[in-house]
Protein backbone atom coordinates (compact mmCIF):
# COMPACT_ATOMS: atom_id res chain seq x y z
CA UNK A 1 54.56 33.14 -67.18
CA UNK A 2 53.83 29.74 -68.46
CA UNK A 3 51.36 28.88 -66.18
CA UNK A 4 50.56 24.57 -64.88
CA UNK A 5 48.44 23.16 -67.33
CA UNK A 6 45.15 22.07 -64.28
CA UNK A 7 45.22 18.16 -64.72
CA UNK A 8 41.95 16.60 -65.61
CA UNK A 9 39.96 14.28 -63.28
CA UNK A 10 40.03 10.72 -64.16
CA UNK A 11 36.26 10.76 -65.58
CA UNK A 12 36.66 13.48 -67.70
CA UNK A 13 40.03 12.42 -69.21
CA UNK A 14 38.55 8.79 -69.69
CA UNK A 15 35.65 10.60 -71.97
CA UNK A 16 37.99 12.97 -73.74
CA UNK A 17 38.46 12.60 -77.31
CA UNK A 18 41.86 10.09 -77.45
CA UNK A 19 44.47 10.91 -79.65
CA UNK A 20 45.82 8.94 -82.50
CA UNK A 21 48.63 8.32 -84.45
CA UNK A 22 48.17 7.54 -88.12
CA UNK A 23 49.72 3.68 -87.40
CA UNK A 24 47.20 3.10 -84.93
CA UNK A 25 44.72 2.84 -87.71
CA UNK A 26 46.05 0.88 -89.68
CA UNK A 27 44.42 -2.65 -89.11
CA UNK A 28 48.53 -5.03 -89.27
CA UNK A 29 49.07 -2.69 -86.54
CA UNK A 30 46.04 -3.68 -84.27
CA UNK A 31 46.09 -7.59 -85.29
CA UNK A 32 50.12 -6.46 -83.93
CA UNK A 33 49.14 -5.46 -80.64
CA UNK A 34 46.65 -8.55 -81.07
CA UNK A 35 49.13 -11.35 -81.51
CA UNK A 36 51.58 -9.65 -78.56
CA UNK A 37 48.67 -9.94 -76.37
CA UNK A 38 48.37 -13.21 -77.24
CA UNK A 39 51.86 -14.55 -77.10
CA UNK A 40 53.05 -12.66 -73.74
CA UNK A 41 51.45 -15.40 -71.70
CA UNK A 42 52.44 -17.92 -74.08
CA UNK A 43 56.03 -16.91 -74.01
CA UNK A 44 55.00 -17.05 -69.85
CA UNK A 45 53.52 -20.52 -69.82
CA UNK A 46 56.74 -21.92 -71.94
CA UNK A 47 59.73 -20.29 -70.37
CA UNK A 48 57.92 -22.19 -66.91
CA UNK A 49 58.38 -25.24 -68.76
CA UNK A 50 61.33 -25.15 -70.79
CA UNK A 51 65.33 -24.94 -70.58
CA UNK A 52 68.34 -24.45 -71.81
CA UNK A 53 67.93 -23.68 -75.77
CA UNK A 54 63.81 -23.38 -75.55
CA UNK A 55 64.33 -19.59 -72.87
CA UNK A 56 66.28 -18.59 -75.56
CA UNK A 57 63.34 -19.31 -78.23
CA UNK A 58 61.58 -17.44 -76.28
CA UNK A 59 63.47 -14.61 -75.41
CA UNK A 60 63.83 -14.48 -79.69
CA UNK A 61 59.96 -14.69 -79.54
CA UNK A 62 59.11 -11.85 -77.46
CA UNK A 63 61.81 -9.50 -79.57
CA UNK A 64 60.67 -10.52 -83.05
CA UNK A 65 57.02 -9.86 -82.08
CA UNK A 66 57.75 -6.29 -80.59
CA UNK A 67 60.47 -5.50 -83.87
CA UNK A 68 57.49 -6.66 -86.21
CA UNK A 69 54.96 -4.11 -84.10
CA UNK A 70 57.76 -1.29 -83.97
CA UNK A 71 59.07 -1.33 -87.22
CA UNK A 72 55.56 -1.50 -88.98
CA UNK A 73 54.25 2.45 -86.53
CA UNK A 74 57.97 3.15 -87.24
CA UNK A 75 57.66 2.50 -91.56
CA UNK A 76 54.23 4.12 -91.08
CA UNK A 77 55.71 7.57 -90.26
CA UNK A 78 58.11 7.43 -92.66
CA UNK A 79 57.59 9.65 -96.03
CA UNK A 80 59.64 8.14 -98.75
CA UNK A 81 58.11 5.47 -100.23
CA UNK A 82 60.76 2.93 -100.67
CA UNK A 83 61.87 3.90 -96.72
CA UNK A 84 58.02 3.02 -95.79
CA UNK A 85 58.14 -0.61 -97.61
CA UNK A 86 62.11 -1.54 -96.01
CA UNK A 87 59.93 -0.68 -92.59
CA UNK A 88 57.48 -2.70 -93.67
CA UNK A 89 59.33 -5.88 -95.29
CA UNK A 90 61.54 -5.48 -91.83
CA UNK A 91 58.53 -6.01 -89.85
CA UNK A 92 57.06 -8.86 -92.43
CA UNK A 93 60.87 -10.85 -91.46
CA UNK A 94 60.11 -10.32 -87.94
CA UNK A 95 56.48 -12.18 -88.03
CA UNK A 96 57.61 -14.65 -90.38
CA UNK A 97 60.64 -14.99 -87.65
CA UNK A 98 58.02 -15.04 -84.56
CA UNK A 99 55.80 -18.48 -86.85
CA UNK A 100 59.38 -19.61 -87.09
CA UNK A 101 60.25 -19.69 -83.32
CA UNK A 102 56.46 -21.13 -82.26
CA UNK A 103 57.37 -24.04 -84.64
CA UNK A 104 60.42 -24.29 -82.83
CA UNK A 105 59.09 -24.74 -79.99
CA UNK A 106 56.78 -27.48 -81.26
CA UNK A 107 59.63 -29.27 -82.37
CA UNK A 108 61.58 -28.76 -78.85
CA UNK A 109 58.47 -30.12 -77.35
CA UNK A 110 57.86 -27.18 -74.92
CA UNK A 111 54.37 -26.50 -76.98
CA UNK A 112 52.46 -28.79 -79.09
CA UNK A 113 50.93 -27.63 -82.45
CA UNK A 114 47.48 -27.08 -81.44
CA UNK A 115 48.36 -24.41 -78.68
CA UNK A 116 50.34 -22.51 -81.53
CA UNK A 117 47.57 -22.76 -84.10
CA UNK A 118 45.76 -19.36 -83.06
CA UNK A 119 49.15 -17.97 -83.20
CA UNK A 120 50.45 -18.76 -85.91
CA UNK A 121 47.09 -17.80 -87.97
CA UNK A 122 47.16 -14.46 -86.99
CA UNK A 123 50.84 -13.98 -88.54
CA UNK A 124 49.87 -15.42 -91.28
CA UNK A 125 47.27 -12.90 -92.08
CA UNK A 126 50.25 -10.21 -90.71
CA UNK A 127 52.53 -11.18 -93.10
CA UNK A 128 49.79 -11.14 -95.83
CA UNK A 129 48.86 -7.27 -94.98
CA UNK A 130 52.45 -6.32 -94.56
CA UNK A 131 52.77 -8.34 -97.95
CA UNK A 132 50.29 -5.66 -99.43
CA UNK A 133 51.63 -2.68 -97.96
CA UNK A 134 55.54 -3.63 -99.14
CA UNK A 135 53.85 -3.65 -102.51
CA UNK A 136 52.24 -0.85 -102.20
CA UNK A 137 54.95 1.31 -101.70
CA UNK A 138 57.74 -0.27 -103.04
CA UNK A 139 57.81 1.45 -106.75
CA UNK A 140 60.50 -0.66 -107.95
CA UNK A 141 57.37 -3.89 -106.91
CA UNK A 142 60.28 -5.76 -105.91
CA UNK A 143 61.19 -7.17 -109.81
CA UNK A 144 64.76 -6.61 -111.20
CA UNK A 145 64.85 -4.52 -114.80
CA UNK A 146 68.16 -3.46 -116.43
CA UNK A 147 67.83 -1.78 -119.93
CA UNK A 148 68.85 -3.57 -123.65
CA UNK A 149 72.40 -2.58 -124.14
CA UNK A 150 73.87 -2.86 -127.85
CA UNK A 151 76.97 -4.59 -127.53
CA UNK A 152 79.23 -3.82 -130.77
CA UNK A 153 81.90 -6.57 -132.12
CA UNK A 154 84.17 -4.80 -135.09
CA UNK A 155 86.92 -7.57 -136.19
CA UNK A 156 90.30 -6.23 -137.22
CA UNK A 157 90.74 -7.55 -139.93
CA UNK A 158 87.21 -7.05 -141.61
CA UNK A 159 85.77 -3.23 -141.24
CA UNK A 160 82.33 -4.95 -140.82
CA UNK A 161 80.89 -4.26 -137.55
CA UNK A 162 77.90 -6.51 -135.51
CA UNK A 163 75.14 -5.74 -133.64
CA UNK A 164 74.18 -8.31 -130.61
CA UNK A 165 71.70 -6.34 -128.01
CA UNK A 166 70.50 -8.60 -125.29
CA UNK A 167 68.13 -8.32 -123.23
CA UNK A 168 67.92 -9.81 -119.45
CA UNK A 169 64.84 -11.06 -117.74
CA UNK A 170 63.20 -9.34 -115.11
CA UNK A 171 62.63 -11.67 -111.74
CA UNK A 172 58.91 -12.26 -113.01
CA UNK A 173 59.39 -13.48 -116.47
CA UNK A 174 61.71 -16.02 -115.01
């Protein structure tokens, strides 16, 4: 029969080995957690002084910061490289959305640029780290490629055929 698992005293539980998930080992994940801890009181402060549309920006900032964190965690748990890259790219998009929300709160005179500077610095580092993860797991490297295509042009009046080869440039060559 199944016996209930005995509960550890609080002191033992605190000293017990902490189980960690792989995403918790990522520096970017830890920085995203720090950003959420930093932005939560800022959102409360902004909401208390904001009215109307500025409150919507605060709500969006809260959602976007959480989305970045959760996409990073979920992406790190995916086994397929392209799928991982997509989640990390979504996390990057949410982090840049956070920066946009901070800019909007400054533009609406809810916060000052000095007040949001620390958060924007964290976001810049988060976006940079996520770009690195996207590049690492995106097998295409974000480049568009097409193989050379051979075209044959034949004149009906002549039995001569000409061959043309056209190669498109990749995004990095443009």
